[in-house]
Amino acid sequence: MSDQQFTPDMTVDQAFKLHAGARRVFARFHLGGCSNCAISESHTIGAVSEDYGIPLEMLLGGLNALWDEGGLTIGDKVRIPDEIRAKIPQLAGLPEIGEITGLESGAYTAEFGEVRLQGLAEDFLPVEATASA
Protein backbone atom coordinates (compact mmCIF):
# COMPACT_ATOMS: atom_id res chain seq x y z
CA MET A 1 0.00 0.00 0.00
CA SER A 2 1.19 3.54 -0.76
CA ASP A 3 1.85 6.25 1.80
CA GLN A 4 -0.12 8.60 -0.45
CA GLN A 5 -3.75 9.14 0.43
CA PHE A 6 -6.72 11.05 -0.95
CA THR A 7 -8.17 13.51 1.59
CA PRO A 8 -11.39 15.56 1.83
CA ASP A 9 -9.51 18.86 1.37
CA MET A 10 -7.77 17.71 -1.83
CA THR A 11 -9.12 19.23 -5.05
CA VAL A 12 -10.46 17.04 -7.82
CA ASP A 13 -7.57 18.23 -10.00
CA GLN A 14 -5.07 17.14 -7.35
CA ALA A 15 -6.81 13.75 -7.14
CA PHE A 16 -6.56 13.33 -10.92
CA LYS A 17 -2.84 14.11 -10.77
CA LEU A 18 -2.22 11.88 -7.76
CA HIS A 19 -3.52 8.69 -9.39
CA ALA A 20 -4.53 7.97 -12.97
CA GLY A 21 -7.43 5.80 -11.76
CA ALA A 22 -9.17 8.67 -9.92
CA ARG A 23 -11.21 9.59 -13.01
CA ARG A 24 -12.64 6.07 -13.12
CA VAL A 25 -13.63 6.25 -9.44
CA PHE A 26 -15.47 9.55 -9.96
CA ALA A 27 -17.10 8.08 -13.07
CA ARG A 28 -18.44 5.14 -11.01
CA PHE A 29 -20.39 7.76 -9.06
CA HIS A 30 -21.54 9.35 -12.35
CA LEU A 31 -19.35 12.39 -11.79
CA GLY A 32 -17.33 14.18 -14.42
CA GLY A 33 -18.34 12.22 -17.48
CA CYS A 34 -20.83 14.53 -19.19
CA SER A 35 -22.29 18.05 -19.00
CA ASN A 36 -25.11 16.89 -16.69
CA CYS A 37 -22.71 15.32 -14.20
CA ALA A 38 -19.70 17.62 -14.63
CA ILE A 39 -17.66 18.48 -11.57
CA SER A 40 -15.30 21.39 -11.17
CA GLU A 41 -11.70 20.30 -10.84
CA SER A 42 -11.23 23.14 -8.32
CA HIS A 43 -13.81 21.65 -5.93
CA THR A 44 -12.49 19.61 -3.04
CA ILE A 45 -13.38 15.97 -2.65
CA GLY A 46 -15.28 16.93 0.52
CA ALA A 47 -17.33 19.54 -1.38
CA VAL A 48 -18.09 17.06 -4.16
CA SER A 49 -19.29 14.58 -1.54
CA GLU A 50 -21.57 17.17 0.04
CA ASP A 51 -22.83 18.77 -3.19
CA TYR A 52 -23.71 15.45 -4.84
CA GLY A 53 -24.87 13.54 -1.77
CA ILE A 54 -22.19 10.86 -1.99
CA PRO A 55 -21.03 9.63 1.43
CA LEU A 56 -17.50 10.93 1.96
CA GLU A 57 -16.30 7.61 3.38
CA MET A 58 -17.53 5.81 0.26
CA LEU A 59 -15.87 8.26 -2.13
CA LEU A 60 -12.58 8.32 -0.22
CA GLY A 61 -12.72 4.55 0.18
CA GLY A 62 -12.99 4.08 -3.59
CA LEU A 63 -10.18 6.52 -4.26
CA ASN A 64 -7.80 5.17 -1.61
CA ALA A 65 -8.47 1.60 -2.73
CA LEU A 66 -6.66 2.53 -5.95
CA TRP A 67 -3.36 2.12 -4.10
CA ASP A 68 -4.23 -1.50 -3.33
CA GLU A 69 -4.96 -2.38 -6.97
CA GLY A 70 -1.30 -2.39 -8.04
CA GLY A 71 0.56 -5.59 -8.29
CA LEU A 72 2.71 -4.93 -11.32
CA THR A 73 6.35 -3.94 -11.05
CA ILE A 74 8.89 -2.70 -13.52
CA GLY A 75 10.21 -5.64 -15.50
CA ASP A 76 7.00 -7.70 -15.26
CA LYS A 77 5.90 -9.38 -18.47
CA VAL A 78 2.30 -8.55 -19.43
CA ARG A 79 -0.18 -8.97 -22.22
CA ILE A 80 -3.16 -6.94 -23.34
CA PRO A 81 -6.53 -8.51 -22.48
CA ASP A 82 -8.24 -10.05 -25.52
CA GLU A 83 -11.35 -7.85 -25.08
CA ILE A 84 -9.21 -4.70 -25.34
CA ARG A 85 -7.14 -6.06 -28.24
CA ALA A 86 -10.34 -6.97 -30.13
CA LYS A 87 -11.77 -3.44 -29.78
CA ILE A 88 -8.68 -1.60 -31.02
CA PRO A 89 -7.55 -2.72 -34.49
CA GLN A 90 -4.16 -0.98 -34.15
CA LEU A 91 -3.22 -3.46 -31.41
CA ALA A 92 -3.58 -6.47 -33.70
CA GLY A 93 0.01 -6.33 -34.96
CA LEU A 94 1.66 -5.85 -31.57
CA PRO A 95 3.72 -8.61 -29.98
CA GLU A 96 1.67 -10.77 -27.62
CA ILE A 97 3.97 -10.13 -24.64
CA GLY A 98 5.17 -6.73 -23.41
CA GLU A 99 7.14 -5.50 -20.43
CA ILE A 100 6.31 -2.95 -17.74
CA THR A 101 8.92 -0.20 -18.03
CA GLY A 102 7.49 2.56 -15.84
CA LEU A 103 5.00 3.55 -13.16
CA GLU A 104 3.86 7.09 -12.42
CA SER A 105 0.75 8.27 -10.55
CA GLY A 106 -0.80 4.81 -10.73
CA ALA A 107 -0.36 4.55 -14.51
CA TYR A 108 1.88 1.83 -15.91
CA THR A 109 3.95 2.12 -19.06
CA ALA A 110 4.37 -1.11 -21.01
CA GLU A 111 6.44 -1.63 -24.12
CA PHE A 112 5.28 -4.05 -26.78
CA GLY A 113 8.10 -4.13 -29.31
CA GLU A 114 8.40 -0.59 -30.67
CA VAL A 115 5.04 0.52 -29.18
CA ARG A 116 4.67 2.04 -25.73
CA LEU A 117 1.25 1.91 -24.04
CA GLN A 118 0.00 3.38 -20.77
CA GLY A 119 -2.77 2.06 -18.57
CA LEU A 120 -3.86 1.01 -15.11
CA ALA A 121 -3.03 -2.38 -13.62
CA GLU A 122 -6.41 -3.66 -14.82
CA ASP A 123 -5.45 -2.84 -18.42
CA PHE A 124 -2.66 -5.42 -18.47
CA LEU A 125 -2.60 -9.12 -17.61
CA PRO A 126 0.50 -10.46 -15.89
CA VAL A 127 2.23 -13.29 -17.74
CA GLU A 128 3.38 -16.09 -15.49
CA ALA A 129 7.05 -16.82 -15.77
CA THR A 130 7.71 -20.24 -17.25
CA ALA A 131 10.49 -22.42 -15.95
CA SER A 132 13.22 -23.16 -18.46
CA ALA A 133 13.74 -26.79 -19.20
Foldseek 3Di string as FASTA:
>chain_A
DDPDFADQQAFLLNLCQLAVCLVVLCVVVVACDDPVRYDDRRHGLNVVCVVVVPPSCSSRVSSRCLVVPADADFFFKWAFDPVVCVVDVVNVPFDGIWTFHDDHRQKTWIDGDPDIDIDHRVRIGTDDDDDDD
